[in-house]
C-alpha atoms as a PDB file:
ATOM      1  CA  MET A   1      10.216 -14.717  -6.521  1.00  0.00           C
ATOM      2  CA  GLU A   2      11.756 -14.226  -3.165  1.00  0.00           C
ATOM      3  CA  GLY A   3      12.638 -10.622  -2.399  1.00  0.00           C
ATOM      4  CA  SER A   4      10.668  -9.171  -5.299  1.00  0.00           C
ATOM      5  CA  MET A   5       8.180  -7.348  -3.064  1.00  0.00           C
ATOM      6  CA  ASP A   6      11.042  -5.942  -0.998  1.00  0.00           C
ATOM      7  CA  ARG A   7      12.561  -4.584  -4.199  1.00  0.00           C
ATOM      8  CA  LEU A   8       9.242  -3.050  -5.239  1.00  0.00           C
ATOM      9  CA  VAL A   9       9.006  -1.310  -1.856  1.00  0.00           C
ATOM     10  CA  GLN A  10      12.532   0.048  -2.369  1.00  0.00           C
ATOM     11  CA  LEU A  11      11.479   1.378  -5.770  1.00  0.00           C
ATOM     12  CA  LEU A  12       8.638   3.321  -4.136  1.00  0.00           C
ATOM     13  CA  GLY A  13      11.386   5.576  -2.770  1.00  0.00           C
ATOM     14  CA  ASP A  14      13.111   6.061  -6.130  1.00  0.00           C
ATOM     15  CA  ASP A  15      13.771   9.581  -7.402  1.00  0.00           C
ATOM     16  CA  SER A  16      11.798   8.860 -10.573  1.00  0.00           C
ATOM     17  CA  VAL A  17       8.031   9.306 -10.302  1.00  0.00           C
ATOM     18  CA  GLU A  18       7.627   6.920 -13.224  1.00  0.00           C
ATOM     19  CA  THR A  19       9.533   4.210 -11.335  1.00  0.00           C
ATOM     20  CA  GLN A  20       7.488   4.855  -8.191  1.00  0.00           C
ATOM     21  CA  LEU A  21       4.264   4.591 -10.197  1.00  0.00           C
ATOM     22  CA  GLU A  22       5.305   1.306 -11.818  1.00  0.00           C
ATOM     23  CA  ALA A  23       6.288  -0.162  -8.432  1.00  0.00           C
ATOM     24  CA  ALA A  24       3.011   0.985  -6.874  1.00  0.00           C
ATOM     25  CA  TRP A  25       1.101  -0.502  -9.811  1.00  0.00           C
ATOM     26  CA  CYS A  26       2.879  -3.863  -9.368  1.00  0.00           C
ATOM     27  CA  LEU A  27       2.068  -3.864  -5.652  1.00  0.00           C
ATOM     28  CA  ASN A  28      -1.523  -2.959  -6.517  1.00  0.00           C
ATOM     29  CA  ASN A  29      -1.749  -6.057  -8.697  1.00  0.00           C
ATOM     30  CA  ILE A  30      -0.283  -8.229  -5.938  1.00  0.00           C
ATOM     31  CA  ALA A  31      -2.649  -6.801  -3.301  1.00  0.00           C
ATOM     32  CA  GLY A  32      -5.584  -7.639  -5.552  1.00  0.00           C
ATOM     33  CA  GLY A  33      -4.823 -11.345  -5.237  1.00  0.00           C
ATOM     34  CA  THR A  34      -5.560 -13.329  -2.115  1.00  0.00           C
ATOM     35  CA  ASP A  35      -5.984 -12.187   1.473  1.00  0.00           C
ATOM     36  CA  GLU A  36      -2.419 -13.284   2.116  1.00  0.00           C
ATOM     37  CA  HIS A  37      -1.187 -11.150  -0.773  1.00  0.00           C
ATOM     38  CA  ALA A  38      -3.029  -8.077   0.500  1.00  0.00           C
ATOM     39  CA  ILE A  39      -1.655  -8.580   4.010  1.00  0.00           C
ATOM     40  CA  ALA A  40       1.879  -9.012   2.667  1.00  0.00           C
ATOM     41  CA  VAL A  41       1.624  -5.760   0.703  1.00  0.00           C
ATOM     42  CA  LEU A  42       0.168  -4.023   3.734  1.00  0.00           C
ATOM     43  CA  GLU A  43       2.984  -5.220   5.986  1.00  0.00           C
ATOM     44  CA  LEU A  44       5.786  -4.419   3.565  1.00  0.00           C
ATOM     45  CA  ALA A  45       4.553  -1.334   1.765  1.00  0.00           C
ATOM     46  CA  GLY A  46       1.751   0.207   3.822  1.00  0.00           C
ATOM     47  CA  ASP A  47       3.799   3.078   5.237  1.00  0.00           C
ATOM     48  CA  SER A  48       5.429   3.845   1.890  1.00  0.00           C
ATOM     49  CA  LEU A  49       2.101   3.836   0.078  1.00  0.00           C
ATOM     50  CA  ILE A  50       0.600   6.163   2.663  1.00  0.00           C
ATOM     51  CA  ALA A  51       3.561   8.525   2.269  1.00  0.00           C
ATOM     52  CA  LEU A  52       3.060   8.600  -1.518  1.00  0.00           C
ATOM     53  CA  LEU A  53      -0.445  10.007  -1.016  1.00  0.00           C
ATOM     54  CA  SER A  54       1.233  13.419  -0.683  1.00  0.00           C
ATOM     55  CA  SER A  55       3.733  12.980  -3.523  1.00  0.00           C
ATOM     56  CA  GLY A  56       2.284  15.838  -5.570  1.00  0.00           C
ATOM     57  CA  ASP A  57       1.940  13.563  -8.600  1.00  0.00           C
ATOM     58  CA  VAL A  58      -1.747  12.865  -9.189  1.00  0.00           C
ATOM     59  CA  PRO A  59      -1.393   9.506 -11.020  1.00  0.00           C
ATOM     60  CA  LEU A  60       0.975   8.248  -8.306  1.00  0.00           C
ATOM     61  CA  GLU A  61      -1.349   9.455  -5.545  1.00  0.00           C
ATOM     62  CA  VAL A  62      -4.330   7.760  -7.231  1.00  0.00           C
ATOM     63  CA  CYS A  63      -2.423   4.490  -7.617  1.00  0.00           C
ATOM     64  CA  SER A  64      -1.295   4.638  -3.981  1.00  0.00           C
ATOM     65  CA  CYS A  65      -4.848   5.324  -2.869  1.00  0.00           C
ATOM     66  CA  ASN A  66      -6.144   2.418  -4.944  1.00  0.00           C
ATOM     67  CA  ASN A  67      -3.446   0.204  -3.502  1.00  0.00           C
ATOM     68  CA  ASN A  68      -4.434   1.119   0.039  1.00  0.00           C
ATOM     69  CA  ASN A  69      -8.060   0.417  -0.865  1.00  0.00           C
ATOM     70  CA  TYR A  70      -7.115  -3.021  -2.165  1.00  0.00           C
ATOM     71  CA  CYS A  71      -5.373  -3.772   1.098  1.00  0.00           C
ATOM     72  CA  TYR A  72      -8.540  -2.858   2.945  1.00  0.00           C
ATOM     73  CA  TYR A  73     -11.239  -4.261   0.668  1.00  0.00           C
ATOM     74  CA  SER A  74      -9.689  -7.150  -1.262  1.00  0.00           C
ATOM     75  CA  SER A  75     -10.238  -9.621   1.518  1.00  0.00           C
ATOM     76  CA  ASN A  76     -13.174 -11.965   1.181  1.00  0.00           C
ATOM     77  CA  SER A  77     -13.269 -11.798   4.937  1.00  0.00           C
ATOM     78  CA  ALA A  78     -12.683  -8.396   6.512  1.00  0.00           C
ATOM     79  CA  TYR A  79     -12.864 -10.244   9.801  1.00  0.00           C
ATOM     80  CA  GLY A  80      -9.636 -12.009   8.859  1.00  0.00           C
ATOM     81  CA  PHE A  81      -7.897  -8.656   8.498  1.00  0.00           C
ATOM     82  CA  VAL A  82      -9.182  -7.437  11.827  1.00  0.00           C
ATOM     83  CA  LEU A  83      -8.323 -10.719  13.457  1.00  0.00           C
ATOM     84  CA  ALA A  84      -4.782 -10.480  12.130  1.00  0.00           C
ATOM     85  CA  GLY A  85      -4.528  -6.940  13.506  1.00  0.00           C
ATOM     86  CA  HIS A  86      -3.103  -5.641  10.253  1.00  0.00           C
ATOM     87  CA  ILE A  87      -5.906  -3.401   9.118  1.00  0.00           C
ATOM     88  CA  ILE A  88      -6.186  -1.685  12.493  1.00  0.00           C
ATOM     89  CA  SER A  89      -2.529  -0.655  12.580  1.00  0.00           C
ATOM     90  CA  TRP A  90      -2.716   0.385   8.914  1.00  0.00           C
ATOM     91  CA  ALA A  91      -5.810   2.497   9.555  1.00  0.00           C
ATOM     92  CA  ASP A  92      -4.128   4.138  12.546  1.00  0.00           C
ATOM     93  CA  ARG A  93      -1.126   5.081  10.407  1.00  0.00           C
ATOM     94  CA  LEU A  94      -3.385   6.426   7.656  1.00  0.00           C
ATOM     95  CA  ILE A  95      -5.386   8.524  10.122  1.00  0.00           C
ATOM     96  CA  ASP A  96      -2.172   9.917  11.654  1.00  0.00           C
ATOM     97  CA  PHE A  97      -0.949  10.802   8.159  1.00  0.00           C
ATOM     98  CA  LEU A  98      -4.190  12.602   7.303  1.00  0.00           C
ATOM     99  CA  ILE A  99      -4.200  14.516  10.596  1.00  0.00           C
ATOM    100  CA  ASP A 100      -0.611  15.649   9.994  1.00  0.00           C
ATOM    101  CA  LEU A 101      -1.448  16.595   6.413  1.00  0.00           C
ATOM    102  CA  TYR A 102      -4.337  18.838   7.410  1.00  0.00           C
END
């Protein structure tokens, strides 16, 4: 459905941790599909999922971490991710986040 991933990304910013977790879980399922699905989740939700890694809610942080892992590892061809340039910019943002965190 058109716009459904955009809505899920919006829900990642909801005040309810339960809503954030459900949205992250849905995106996790999408990212586990094809390479195109993982790239779409990465493009639309990568920054939000990285930000949720410091939410303070362990289940939400675990789901966000798993989601980021899917975006990195779900591809049958990691070369395709690198070629598309998506994984490099995502990794840069994740590294910046971790440096700022610690």
